[in-house]
PDB file of all heavy atoms in Angstrom:
ATOM      1  N   LEU A   1      -4.458   8.466   6.739  1.00  0.00           N
ATOM      2  CA  LEU A   1      -4.288   7.036   6.507  1.00  0.00           C
ATOM      3  C   LEU A   1      -4.219   6.368   7.877  1.00  0.00           C
ATOM      4  O   LEU A   1      -3.224   6.498   8.592  1.00  0.00           O
ATOM      5  CB  LEU A   1      -3.016   6.775   5.701  1.00  0.00           C
ATOM      6  CG  LEU A   1      -2.581   5.321   5.520  1.00  0.00           C
ATOM      7  CD1 LEU A   1      -3.662   4.505   4.813  1.00  0.00           C
ATOM      8  CD2 LEU A   1      -1.266   5.261   4.762  1.00  0.00           C
ATOM      9  N   ASP A   2      -5.295   5.716   8.272  1.00  0.00           N
ATOM     10  CA  ASP A   2      -5.369   5.088   9.587  1.00  0.00           C
ATOM     11  C   ASP A   2      -4.559   3.803   9.644  1.00  0.00           C
ATOM     12  O   ASP A   2      -3.872   3.548  10.638  1.00  0.00           O
ATOM     13  CB  ASP A   2      -6.826   4.788   9.964  1.00  0.00           C
ATOM     14  CG  ASP A   2      -7.590   6.037  10.311  1.00  0.00           C
ATOM     15  OD1 ASP A   2      -7.210   6.708  11.282  1.00  0.00           O
ATOM     16  OD2 ASP A   2      -8.580   6.347   9.615  1.00  0.00           O
ATOM     17  N   ASP A   3      -4.672   2.976   8.635  1.00  0.00           N
ATOM     18  CA  ASP A   3      -4.060   1.646   8.660  1.00  0.00           C
ATOM     19  C   ASP A   3      -3.506   1.315   7.280  1.00  0.00           C
ATOM     20  O   ASP A   3      -4.173   1.546   6.274  1.00  0.00           O
ATOM     21  CB  ASP A   3      -5.102   0.573   9.024  1.00  0.00           C
ATOM     22  CG  ASP A   3      -5.907   0.906  10.269  1.00  0.00           C
ATOM     23  OD1 ASP A   3      -5.290   1.241  11.298  1.00  0.00           O
ATOM     24  OD2 ASP A   3      -7.151   0.836  10.207  1.00  0.00           O
ATOM     25  N   LEU A   4      -2.308   0.751   7.269  1.00  0.00           N
ATOM     26  CA  LEU A   4      -1.718   0.228   6.042  1.00  0.00           C
ATOM     27  C   LEU A   4      -1.032  -1.072   6.422  1.00  0.00           C
ATOM     28  O   LEU A   4      -0.225  -1.101   7.357  1.00  0.00           O
ATOM     29  CB  LEU A   4      -0.700   1.206   5.454  1.00  0.00           C
ATOM     30  CG  LEU A   4       0.005   0.751   4.189  1.00  0.00           C
ATOM     31  CD1 LEU A   4      -0.969   0.674   3.018  1.00  0.00           C
ATOM     32  CD2 LEU A   4       1.146   1.694   3.843  1.00  0.00           C
ATOM     33  N   PHE A   5      -1.371  -2.134   5.705  1.00  0.00           N
ATOM     34  CA  PHE A   5      -0.798  -3.444   6.034  1.00  0.00           C
ATOM     35  C   PHE A   5      -0.685  -4.273   4.773  1.00  0.00           C
ATOM     36  O   PHE A   5      -1.599  -4.306   3.949  1.00  0.00           O
ATOM     37  CB  PHE A   5      -1.698  -4.179   7.042  1.00  0.00           C
ATOM     38  CG  PHE A   5      -1.173  -5.520   7.453  1.00  0.00           C
ATOM     39  CD1 PHE A   5      -0.097  -5.637   8.324  1.00  0.00           C
ATOM     40  CD2 PHE A   5      -1.748  -6.684   6.967  1.00  0.00           C
ATOM     41  CE1 PHE A   5       0.400  -6.882   8.713  1.00  0.00           C
ATOM     42  CE2 PHE A   5      -1.267  -7.937   7.347  1.00  0.00           C
ATOM     43  CZ  PHE A   5      -0.198  -8.027   8.221  1.00  0.00           C
ATOM     44  N   VAL A   6       0.460  -4.940   4.645  1.00  0.00           N
ATOM     45  CA  VAL A   6       0.675  -5.912   3.572  1.00  0.00           C
ATOM     46  C   VAL A   6       1.043  -7.227   4.246  1.00  0.00           C
ATOM     47  O   VAL A   6       1.861  -7.254   5.173  1.00  0.00           O
ATOM     48  CB  VAL A   6       1.787  -5.454   2.606  1.00  0.00           C
ATOM     49  CG1 VAL A   6       2.113  -6.541   1.598  1.00  0.00           C
ATOM     50  CG2 VAL A   6       1.381  -4.162   1.896  1.00  0.00           C
ATOM     51  N   ALA A   7       0.428  -8.311   3.790  1.00  0.00           N
ATOM     52  CA  ALA A   7       0.709  -9.631   4.354  1.00  0.00           C
ATOM     53  C   ALA A   7       2.206  -9.893   4.298  1.00  0.00           C
ATOM     54  O   ALA A   7       2.865  -9.573   3.299  1.00  0.00           O
ATOM     55  CB  ALA A   7      -0.049 -10.707   3.573  1.00  0.00           C
ATOM     56  N   PRO A   8       2.771 -10.477   5.362  1.00  0.00           N
ATOM     57  CA  PRO A   8       4.224 -10.695   5.405  1.00  0.00           C
ATOM     58  C   PRO A   8       4.785 -11.403   4.179  1.00  0.00           C
ATOM     59  O   PRO A   8       5.846 -11.024   3.671  1.00  0.00           O
ATOM     60  CB  PRO A   8       4.411 -11.542   6.671  1.00  0.00           C
ATOM     61  CG  PRO A   8       3.264 -11.157   7.544  1.00  0.00           C
ATOM     62  CD  PRO A   8       2.112 -10.905   6.598  1.00  0.00           C
ATOM     63  N   GLU A   9       4.066 -12.389   3.666  1.00  0.00           N
ATOM     64  CA  GLU A   9       4.563 -13.126   2.501  1.00  0.00           C
ATOM     65  C   GLU A   9       4.510 -12.315   1.210  1.00  0.00           C
ATOM     66  O   GLU A   9       5.075 -12.716   0.193  1.00  0.00           O
ATOM     67  CB  GLU A   9       3.804 -14.443   2.337  1.00  0.00           C
ATOM     68  CG  GLU A   9       2.329 -14.291   2.074  1.00  0.00           C
ATOM     69  CD  GLU A   9       1.449 -14.129   3.324  1.00  0.00           C
ATOM     70  OE1 GLU A   9       1.974 -13.936   4.438  1.00  0.00           O
ATOM     71  OE2 GLU A   9       0.214 -14.178   3.155  1.00  0.00           O
ATOM     72  N   SER A  10       3.854 -11.155   1.242  1.00  0.00           N
ATOM     73  CA  SER A  10       3.744 -10.315   0.048  1.00  0.00           C
ATOM     74  C   SER A  10       4.536  -9.015   0.154  1.00  0.00           C
ATOM     75  O   SER A  10       4.486  -8.187  -0.761  1.00  0.00           O
ATOM     76  CB  SER A  10       2.274  -9.994  -0.226  1.00  0.00           C
ATOM     77  OG  SER A  10       1.568 -11.182  -0.522  1.00  0.00           O
ATOM     78  N   ARG A  11       5.259  -8.848   1.238  1.00  0.00           N
ATOM     79  CA  ARG A  11       6.076  -7.643   1.381  1.00  0.00           C
ATOM     80  C   ARG A  11       7.176  -7.666   0.340  1.00  0.00           C
ATOM     81  O   ARG A  11       7.738  -8.699   0.032  1.00  0.00           O
ATOM     82  CB  ARG A  11       6.617  -7.542   2.799  1.00  0.00           C
ATOM     83  CG  ARG A  11       5.476  -7.277   3.754  1.00  0.00           C
ATOM     84  CD  ARG A  11       5.877  -7.113   5.179  1.00  0.00           C
ATOM     85  NE  ARG A  11       4.638  -7.015   5.965  1.00  0.00           N
ATOM     86  CZ  ARG A  11       4.544  -7.337   7.220  1.00  0.00           C
ATOM     87  NH1 ARG A  11       5.608  -7.765   7.877  1.00  0.00           N
ATOM     88  NH2 ARG A  11       3.385  -7.224   7.843  1.00  0.00           N
ATOM     89  N   GLY A  12       7.424  -6.510  -0.233  1.00  0.00           N
ATOM     90  CA  GLY A  12       8.404  -6.414  -1.312  1.00  0.00           C
ATOM     91  C   GLY A  12       7.776  -6.615  -2.681  1.00  0.00           C
ATOM     92  O   GLY A  12       8.450  -6.503  -3.696  1.00  0.00           O
ATOM     93  N   SER A  13       6.473  -6.896  -2.719  1.00  0.00           N
ATOM     94  CA  SER A  13       5.778  -7.145  -3.990  1.00  0.00           C
ATOM     95  C   SER A  13       5.386  -5.867  -4.713  1.00  0.00           C
ATOM     96  O   SER A  13       4.999  -5.908  -5.874  1.00  0.00           O
ATOM     97  CB  SER A  13       4.499  -7.953  -3.734  1.00  0.00           C
ATOM     98  OG  SER A  13       3.563  -7.163  -3.002  1.00  0.00           O
ATOM     99  N   GLY A  14       5.463  -4.735  -4.025  1.00  0.00           N
ATOM    100  CA  GLY A  14       5.001  -3.479  -4.600  1.00  0.00           C
ATOM    101  C   GLY A  14       3.608  -3.108  -4.145  1.00  0.00           C
ATOM    102  O   GLY A  14       3.102  -2.040  -4.505  1.00  0.00           O
ATOM    103  N   ALA A  15       2.969  -3.945  -3.346  1.00  0.00           N
ATOM    104  CA  ALA A  15       1.600  -3.667  -2.896  1.00  0.00           C
ATOM    105  C   ALA A  15       1.522  -2.376  -2.103  1.00  0.00           C
ATOM    106  O   ALA A  15       0.597  -1.573  -2.308  1.00  0.00           O
ATOM    107  CB  ALA A  15       1.059  -4.836  -2.078  1.00  0.00           C
ATOM    108  N   ALA A  16       2.466  -2.136  -1.206  1.00  0.00           N
ATOM    109  CA  ALA A  16       2.440  -0.898  -0.413  1.00  0.00           C
ATOM    110  C   ALA A  16       2.570   0.319  -1.320  1.00  0.00           C
ATOM    111  O   ALA A  16       1.850   1.312  -1.149  1.00  0.00           O
ATOM    112  CB  ALA A  16       3.539  -0.915   0.645  1.00  0.00           C
ATOM    113  N   ASP A  17       3.484   0.241  -2.294  1.00  0.00           N
ATOM    114  CA  ASP A  17       3.647   1.351  -3.247  1.00  0.00           C
ATOM    115  C   ASP A  17       2.344   1.645  -3.970  1.00  0.00           C
ATOM    116  O   ASP A  17       1.954   2.806  -4.138  1.00  0.00           O
ATOM    117  CB  ASP A  17       4.714   1.004  -4.290  1.00  0.00           C
ATOM    118  CG  ASP A  17       6.086   0.901  -3.698  1.00  0.00           C
ATOM    119  OD1 ASP A  17       6.600   1.902  -3.186  1.00  0.00           O
ATOM    120  OD2 ASP A  17       6.656  -0.209  -3.762  1.00  0.00           O
ATOM    121  N   LEU A  18       1.674   0.585  -4.417  1.00  0.00           N
ATOM    122  CA  LEU A  18       0.434   0.762  -5.169  1.00  0.00           C
ATOM    123  C   LEU A  18      -0.689   1.299  -4.290  1.00  0.00           C
ATOM    124  O   LEU A  18      -1.474   2.146  -4.730  1.00  0.00           O
ATOM    125  CB  LEU A  18       0.031  -0.556  -5.824  1.00  0.00           C
ATOM    126  CG  LEU A  18       0.964  -1.007  -6.948  1.00  0.00           C
ATOM    127  CD1 LEU A  18       0.684  -2.454  -7.336  1.00  0.00           C
ATOM    128  CD2 LEU A  18       0.830  -0.083  -8.151  1.00  0.00           C
ATOM    129  N   LEU A  19      -0.786   0.834  -3.056  1.00  0.00           N
ATOM    130  CA  LEU A  19      -1.802   1.361  -2.139  1.00  0.00           C
ATOM    131  C   LEU A  19      -1.555   2.845  -1.870  1.00  0.00           C
ATOM    132  O   LEU A  19      -2.488   3.660  -1.917  1.00  0.00           O
ATOM    133  CB  LEU A  19      -1.812   0.568  -0.830  1.00  0.00           C
ATOM    134  CG  LEU A  19      -2.432  -0.820  -0.917  1.00  0.00           C
ATOM    135  CD1 LEU A  19      -1.976  -1.692   0.256  1.00  0.00           C
ATOM    136  CD2 LEU A  19      -3.953  -0.740  -0.968  1.00  0.00           C
ATOM    137  N   LEU A  20      -0.313   3.213  -1.602  1.00  0.00           N
ATOM    138  CA  LEU A  20       0.008   4.617  -1.344  1.00  0.00           C
ATOM    139  C   LEU A  20      -0.206   5.478  -2.588  1.00  0.00           C
ATOM    140  O   LEU A  20      -0.700   6.610  -2.499  1.00  0.00           O
ATOM    141  CB  LEU A  20       1.436   4.747  -0.830  1.00  0.00           C
ATOM    142  CG  LEU A  20       1.660   4.200   0.586  1.00  0.00           C
ATOM    143  CD1 LEU A  20       3.148   4.073   0.887  1.00  0.00           C
ATOM    144  CD2 LEU A  20       0.955   5.062   1.625  1.00  0.00           C
ATOM    145  N   ALA A  21       0.137   4.952  -3.750  1.00  0.00           N
ATOM    146  CA  ALA A  21      -0.065   5.701  -4.994  1.00  0.00           C
ATOM    147  C   ALA A  21      -1.551   5.947  -5.244  1.00  0.00           C
ATOM    148  O   ALA A  21      -1.951   7.044  -5.650  1.00  0.00           O
ATOM    149  CB  ALA A  21       0.561   4.957  -6.170  1.00  0.00           C
ATOM    150  N   ARG A  22      -2.368   4.930  -5.002  1.00  0.00           N
ATOM    151  CA  ARG A  22      -3.810   5.106  -5.194  1.00  0.00           C
ATOM    152  C   ARG A  22      -4.368   6.122  -4.209  1.00  0.00           C
ATOM    153  O   ARG A  22      -5.214   6.944  -4.566  1.00  0.00           O
ATOM    154  CB  ARG A  22      -4.538   3.761  -5.061  1.00  0.00           C
ATOM    155  CG  ARG A  22      -6.035   3.863  -5.242  1.00  0.00           C
ATOM    156  CD  ARG A  22      -6.410   4.367  -6.652  1.00  0.00           C
ATOM    157  NE  ARG A  22      -7.830   4.640  -6.744  1.00  0.00           N
ATOM    158  CZ  ARG A  22      -8.349   5.798  -7.165  1.00  0.00           C
ATOM    159  NH1 ARG A  22      -7.571   6.792  -7.570  1.00  0.00           N
ATOM    160  NH2 ARG A  22      -9.661   5.967  -7.209  1.00  0.00           N
ATOM    161  N   LEU A  23      -3.877   6.092  -2.983  1.00  0.00           N
ATOM    162  CA  LEU A  23      -4.325   7.058  -1.988  1.00  0.00           C
ATOM    163  C   LEU A  23      -3.928   8.480  -2.397  1.00  0.00           C
ATOM    164  O   LEU A  23      -4.704   9.424  -2.232  1.00  0.00           O
ATOM    165  CB  LEU A  23      -3.724   6.698  -0.630  1.00  0.00           C
ATOM    166  CG  LEU A  23      -4.435   7.221   0.583  1.00  0.00           C
ATOM    167  CD1 LEU A  23      -5.927   6.956   0.562  1.00  0.00           C
ATOM    168  CD2 LEU A  23      -3.821   6.627   1.831  1.00  0.00           C
ATOM    169  N   ARG A  24      -2.748   8.627  -2.960  1.00  0.00           N
ATOM    170  CA  ARG A  24      -2.316   9.936  -3.462  1.00  0.00           C
ATOM    171  C   ARG A  24      -3.258  10.411  -4.580  1.00  0.00           C
ATOM    172  O   ARG A  24      -3.630  11.581  -4.640  1.00  0.00           O
ATOM    173  CB  ARG A  24      -0.889   9.840  -3.987  1.00  0.00           C
ATOM    174  CG  ARG A  24      -0.345  11.152  -4.516  1.00  0.00           C
ATOM    175  CD  ARG A  24       1.056  10.980  -4.984  1.00  0.00           C
ATOM    176  NE  ARG A  24       1.886  10.775  -3.812  1.00  0.00           N
ATOM    177  CZ  ARG A  24       3.197  10.993  -3.772  1.00  0.00           C
ATOM    178  NH1 ARG A  24       3.824  11.414  -4.848  1.00  0.00           N
ATOM    179  NH2 ARG A  24       3.870  10.784  -2.691  1.00  0.00           N
ATOM    180  N   GLU A  25      -3.653   9.489  -5.457  1.00  0.00           N
ATOM    181  CA  GLU A  25      -4.588   9.835  -6.535  1.00  0.00           C
ATOM    182  C   GLU A  25      -5.946  10.256  -5.970  1.00  0.00           C
ATOM    183  O   GLU A  25      -6.537  11.229  -6.438  1.00  0.00           O
ATOM    184  CB  GLU A  25      -4.784   8.644  -7.469  1.00  0.00           C
ATOM    185  CG  GLU A  25      -3.586   8.291  -8.306  1.00  0.00           C
ATOM    186  CD  GLU A  25      -3.752   6.958  -9.035  1.00  0.00           C
ATOM    187  OE1 GLU A  25      -4.775   6.254  -8.830  1.00  0.00           O
ATOM    188  OE2 GLU A  25      -2.845   6.605  -9.809  1.00  0.00           O
ATOM    189  N   ILE A  26      -6.442   9.505  -5.002  1.00  0.00           N
ATOM    190  CA  ILE A  26      -7.735   9.832  -4.391  1.00  0.00           C
ATOM    191  C   ILE A  26      -7.677  11.215  -3.761  1.00  0.00           C
ATOM    192  O   ILE A  26      -8.592  12.030  -3.924  1.00  0.00           O
ATOM    193  CB  ILE A  26      -8.139   8.752  -3.359  1.00  0.00           C
ATOM    194  CG1 ILE A  26      -8.495   7.451  -4.070  1.00  0.00           C
ATOM    195  CG2 ILE A  26      -9.303   9.232  -2.483  1.00  0.00           C
ATOM    196  CD1 ILE A  26      -8.636   6.245  -3.144  1.00  0.00           C
ATOM    197  N   ALA A  27      -6.586  11.503  -3.052  1.00  0.00           N
ATOM    198  CA  ALA A  27      -6.430  12.813  -2.417  1.00  0.00           C
ATOM    199  C   ALA A  27      -6.458  13.927  -3.475  1.00  0.00           C
ATOM    200  O   ALA A  27      -7.114  14.953  -3.279  1.00  0.00           O
ATOM    201  CB  ALA A  27      -5.137  12.866  -1.615  1.00  0.00           C
TER     202      ALA A  27
END
């Protein structure tokens, strides 16, 4: 995982969790 970023106004929205979960699925 080279880069992971969530816009500051969207932090805490669950976006990071969902991105990481999808990456786990892809792996």
